[in-house]
């Protein structure tokens, strides 16, 4: 996997502008902050984000992938204000679970998610090298 960084562009913080990779694709559907019994782990964005990321990693593992294989992520959040207020804690959660691997990422603020209590949904694509 190669991080793509055009010459002269400032280095992004917490994400990559692009990723190039060869291998087997693993697609993870949007994961939210509920447990395996579909019970929401808490009402706040940070606890839901942690669980959504843990759920993402569980699906990746079922597909033979891990954090270092993630090529892109899209985060859907219901409150930009709540995200910005908790950005430091969310960054710590991310690094604790994903390490220092920063794929191409997009974050979109949405009015709501299908699960009414969800504050975040994370969609992920990973690329597992053919020789792994």
C-alpha atoms as a PDB file:
ATOM      1  CA  UNK A   1       0.000   0.000   0.000  1.00  0.00           C
ATOM      2  CA  UNK A   2       1.365   3.397  -0.973  1.00  0.00           C
ATOM      3  CA  UNK A   3       0.253   6.781   0.345  1.00  0.00           C
ATOM      4  CA  UNK A   4      -0.262   9.268  -2.480  1.00  0.00           C
ATOM      5  CA  UNK A   5       0.984  12.785  -1.777  1.00  0.00           C
ATOM      6  CA  UNK A   6       1.135  15.257  -4.686  1.00  0.00           C
ATOM      7  CA  UNK A   7       4.269  17.427  -4.763  1.00  0.00           C
ATOM      8  CA  UNK A   8       3.837  20.807  -3.136  1.00  0.00           C
ATOM      9  CA  UNK A   9       0.681  19.903  -1.220  1.00  0.00           C
ATOM     10  CA  UNK A  10       0.717  20.327   2.564  1.00  0.00           C
ATOM     11  CA  UNK A  11       0.881  17.007   4.414  1.00  0.00           C
ATOM     12  CA  UNK A  12      -2.608  16.098   5.728  1.00  0.00           C
ATOM     13  CA  UNK A  13      -3.085  15.376   9.425  1.00  0.00           C
ATOM     14  CA  UNK A  14      -5.031  12.262  10.377  1.00  0.00           C
ATOM     15  CA  UNK A  15      -5.752  11.021   6.849  1.00  0.00           C
ATOM     16  CA  UNK A  16      -4.154  10.461   3.451  1.00  0.00           C
ATOM     17  CA  UNK A  17      -5.105  12.282   0.258  1.00  0.00           C
ATOM     18  CA  UNK A  18      -4.968   8.969  -1.579  1.00  0.00           C
ATOM     19  CA  UNK A  19      -3.846   5.346  -1.368  1.00  0.00           C
ATOM     20  CA  UNK A  20      -2.618   3.000  -4.082  1.00  0.00           C
ATOM     21  CA  UNK A  21      -2.743  -0.753  -3.429  1.00  0.00           C
ATOM     22  CA  UNK A  22      -2.868  -4.140  -5.146  1.00  0.00           C
ATOM     23  CA  UNK A  23      -4.692  -7.095  -3.614  1.00  0.00           C
ATOM     24  CA  UNK A  24      -7.967  -8.643  -2.525  1.00  0.00           C
ATOM     25  CA  UNK A  25     -10.672  -6.131  -1.591  1.00  0.00           C
ATOM     26  CA  UNK A  26     -12.621  -6.341   1.662  1.00  0.00           C
ATOM     27  CA  UNK A  27     -15.703  -4.099   1.867  1.00  0.00           C
ATOM     28  CA  UNK A  28     -17.175  -3.317   5.276  1.00  0.00           C
ATOM     29  CA  UNK A  29     -20.749  -2.026   5.427  1.00  0.00           C
ATOM     30  CA  UNK A  30     -21.441   1.017   7.555  1.00  0.00           C
ATOM     31  CA  UNK A  31     -20.868   0.154  11.201  1.00  0.00           C
ATOM     32  CA  UNK A  32     -22.542   2.023  14.050  1.00  0.00           C
ATOM     33  CA  UNK A  33     -22.043   2.103  17.805  1.00  0.00           C
ATOM     34  CA  UNK A  34     -24.037  -0.912  18.842  1.00  0.00           C
ATOM     35  CA  UNK A  35     -22.942  -4.271  20.156  1.00  0.00           C
ATOM     36  CA  UNK A  36     -23.517  -7.730  18.683  1.00  0.00           C
ATOM     37  CA  UNK A  37     -27.069  -7.732  20.175  1.00  0.00           C
ATOM     38  CA  UNK A  38     -27.828  -4.422  18.440  1.00  0.00           C
ATOM     39  CA  UNK A  39     -27.883  -2.476  21.720  1.00  0.00           C
ATOM     40  CA  UNK A  40     -26.408   1.026  21.440  1.00  0.00           C
ATOM     41  CA  UNK A  41     -23.351   1.325  23.698  1.00  0.00           C
ATOM     42  CA  UNK A  42     -24.121   4.876  24.796  1.00  0.00           C
ATOM     43  CA  UNK A  43     -25.750   8.133  23.806  1.00  0.00           C
ATOM     44  CA  UNK A  44     -22.516  10.043  23.114  1.00  0.00           C
ATOM     45  CA  UNK A  45     -20.469  10.272  19.925  1.00  0.00           C
ATOM     46  CA  UNK A  46     -17.183   9.089  21.444  1.00  0.00           C
ATOM     47  CA  UNK A  47     -18.513   5.815  22.881  1.00  0.00           C
ATOM     48  CA  UNK A  48     -20.427   5.131  19.678  1.00  0.00           C
ATOM     49  CA  UNK A  49     -17.360   5.910  17.567  1.00  0.00           C
ATOM     50  CA  UNK A  50     -15.204   3.513  19.599  1.00  0.00           C
ATOM     51  CA  UNK A  51     -17.735   0.722  19.145  1.00  0.00           C
ATOM     52  CA  UNK A  52     -18.269   1.467  15.437  1.00  0.00           C
ATOM     53  CA  UNK A  53     -14.513   1.191  14.924  1.00  0.00           C
ATOM     54  CA  UNK A  54     -14.336  -2.020  16.998  1.00  0.00           C
ATOM     55  CA  UNK A  55     -17.177  -3.432  14.878  1.00  0.00           C
ATOM     56  CA  UNK A  56     -15.307  -2.416  11.728  1.00  0.00           C
ATOM     57  CA  UNK A  57     -12.165  -4.210  12.929  1.00  0.00           C
ATOM     58  CA  UNK A  58     -14.194  -7.346  13.765  1.00  0.00           C
ATOM     59  CA  UNK A  59     -15.614  -7.477  10.223  1.00  0.00           C
ATOM     60  CA  UNK A  60     -12.166  -6.831   8.757  1.00  0.00           C
ATOM     61  CA  UNK A  61     -10.725  -9.688  10.834  1.00  0.00           C
ATOM     62  CA  UNK A  62     -13.478 -12.008   9.566  1.00  0.00           C
ATOM     63  CA  UNK A  63     -12.217 -11.143   6.063  1.00  0.00           C
ATOM     64  CA  UNK A  64      -8.565 -11.737   6.910  1.00  0.00           C
ATOM     65  CA  UNK A  65      -7.754  -8.030   7.129  1.00  0.00           C
ATOM     66  CA  UNK A  66      -6.574  -5.660   9.827  1.00  0.00           C
ATOM     67  CA  UNK A  67      -6.137  -1.938  10.425  1.00  0.00           C
ATOM     68  CA  UNK A  68      -3.064  -1.706   8.197  1.00  0.00           C
ATOM     69  CA  UNK A  69      -5.047  -2.997   5.216  1.00  0.00           C
ATOM     70  CA  UNK A  70      -7.606  -0.174   5.306  1.00  0.00           C
ATOM     71  CA  UNK A  71      -7.382   1.905   2.132  1.00  0.00           C
ATOM     72  CA  UNK A  72     -10.373   4.208   2.642  1.00  0.00           C
ATOM     73  CA  UNK A  73     -12.990   5.138   5.222  1.00  0.00           C
ATOM     74  CA  UNK A  74     -16.091   7.299   5.118  1.00  0.00           C
ATOM     75  CA  UNK A  75     -17.449   8.590   8.410  1.00  0.00           C
ATOM     76  CA  UNK A  76     -21.028   9.854   8.590  1.00  0.00           C
ATOM     77  CA  UNK A  77     -21.659  11.973  11.681  1.00  0.00           C
ATOM     78  CA  UNK A  78     -24.861  13.636  12.833  1.00  0.00           C
ATOM     79  CA  UNK A  79     -23.193  16.603  14.553  1.00  0.00           C
ATOM     80  CA  UNK A  80     -20.136  18.483  13.347  1.00  0.00           C
ATOM     81  CA  UNK A  81     -20.263  20.472  16.594  1.00  0.00           C
ATOM     82  CA  UNK A  82     -20.131  17.332  18.755  1.00  0.00           C
ATOM     83  CA  UNK A  83     -17.317  15.919  16.617  1.00  0.00           C
ATOM     84  CA  UNK A  84     -15.222  19.099  16.929  1.00  0.00           C
ATOM     85  CA  UNK A  85     -15.844  19.233  20.704  1.00  0.00           C
ATOM     86  CA  UNK A  86     -14.581  15.634  21.047  1.00  0.00           C
ATOM     87  CA  UNK A  87     -11.979  15.569  18.269  1.00  0.00           C
ATOM     88  CA  UNK A  88      -9.015  14.977  20.603  1.00  0.00           C
ATOM     89  CA  UNK A  89     -10.659  12.002  22.335  1.00  0.00           C
ATOM     90  CA  UNK A  90     -11.840  10.585  18.994  1.00  0.00           C
ATOM     91  CA  UNK A  91      -8.284  10.896  17.673  1.00  0.00           C
ATOM     92  CA  UNK A  92      -6.984   8.982  20.704  1.00  0.00           C
ATOM     93  CA  UNK A  93      -9.580   6.243  20.215  1.00  0.00           C
ATOM     94  CA  UNK A  94      -8.658   6.024  16.531  1.00  0.00           C
ATOM     95  CA  UNK A  95      -4.915   5.693  17.237  1.00  0.00           C
ATOM     96  CA  UNK A  96      -5.503   3.130  20.010  1.00  0.00           C
ATOM     97  CA  UNK A  97      -7.479   0.897  17.640  1.00  0.00           C
ATOM     98  CA  UNK A  98      -5.955   1.674  14.228  1.00  0.00           C
ATOM     99  CA  UNK A  99      -2.396   2.623  15.203  1.00  0.00           C
ATOM    100  CA  UNK A 100      -0.696   5.248  13.084  1.00  0.00           C
ATOM    101  CA  UNK A 101      -2.316   4.046   9.859  1.00  0.00           C
ATOM    102  CA  UNK A 102      -4.158   6.864   8.079  1.00  0.00           C
ATOM    103  CA  UNK A 103      -6.071   5.816   4.948  1.00  0.00           C
ATOM    104  CA  UNK A 104      -7.905   8.075   2.533  1.00  0.00           C
ATOM    105  CA  UNK A 105     -10.844   9.396   4.566  1.00  0.00           C
ATOM    106  CA  UNK A 106     -13.973  11.439   4.116  1.00  0.00           C
ATOM    107  CA  UNK A 107     -16.256  12.743   6.858  1.00  0.00           C
ATOM    108  CA  UNK A 108     -19.784  13.871   6.078  1.00  0.00           C
ATOM    109  CA  UNK A 109     -22.259  15.533   8.414  1.00  0.00           C
ATOM    110  CA  UNK A 110     -25.736  14.100   7.855  1.00  0.00           C
ATOM    111  CA  UNK A 111     -29.132  15.050   9.214  1.00  0.00           C
ATOM    112  CA  UNK A 112     -29.690  11.570  10.634  1.00  0.00           C
ATOM    113  CA  UNK A 113     -28.839   7.894  10.192  1.00  0.00           C
ATOM    114  CA  UNK A 114     -31.270   5.010   9.665  1.00  0.00           C
ATOM    115  CA  UNK A 115     -30.790   3.839  13.287  1.00  0.00           C
ATOM    116  CA  UNK A 116     -32.327   6.834  15.082  1.00  0.00           C
ATOM    117  CA  UNK A 117     -29.971   6.680  18.109  1.00  0.00           C
ATOM    118  CA  UNK A 118     -26.790   6.417  15.995  1.00  0.00           C
ATOM    119  CA  UNK A 119     -24.491   9.433  15.900  1.00  0.00           C
ATOM    120  CA  UNK A 120     -21.805   7.942  13.653  1.00  0.00           C
ATOM    121  CA  UNK A 121     -21.544   5.348  10.909  1.00  0.00           C
ATOM    122  CA  UNK A 122     -18.195   4.200   9.485  1.00  0.00           C
ATOM    123  CA  UNK A 123     -17.876   2.564   6.055  1.00  0.00           C
ATOM    124  CA  UNK A 124     -14.537   0.965   5.141  1.00  0.00           C
ATOM    125  CA  UNK A 125     -12.647  -0.594   2.237  1.00  0.00           C
ATOM    126  CA  UNK A 126      -9.486  -2.626   2.824  1.00  0.00           C
ATOM    127  CA  UNK A 127      -6.960  -4.149   0.427  1.00  0.00           C
ATOM    128  CA  UNK A 128      -5.213  -7.355   1.500  1.00  0.00           C
ATOM    129  CA  UNK A 129      -2.050  -8.110  -0.507  1.00  0.00           C
ATOM    130  CA  UNK A 130      -2.313 -11.312  -2.568  1.00  0.00           C
ATOM    131  CA  UNK A 131       0.713 -12.754  -0.760  1.00  0.00           C
ATOM    132  CA  UNK A 132      -0.796 -12.239   2.722  1.00  0.00           C
END
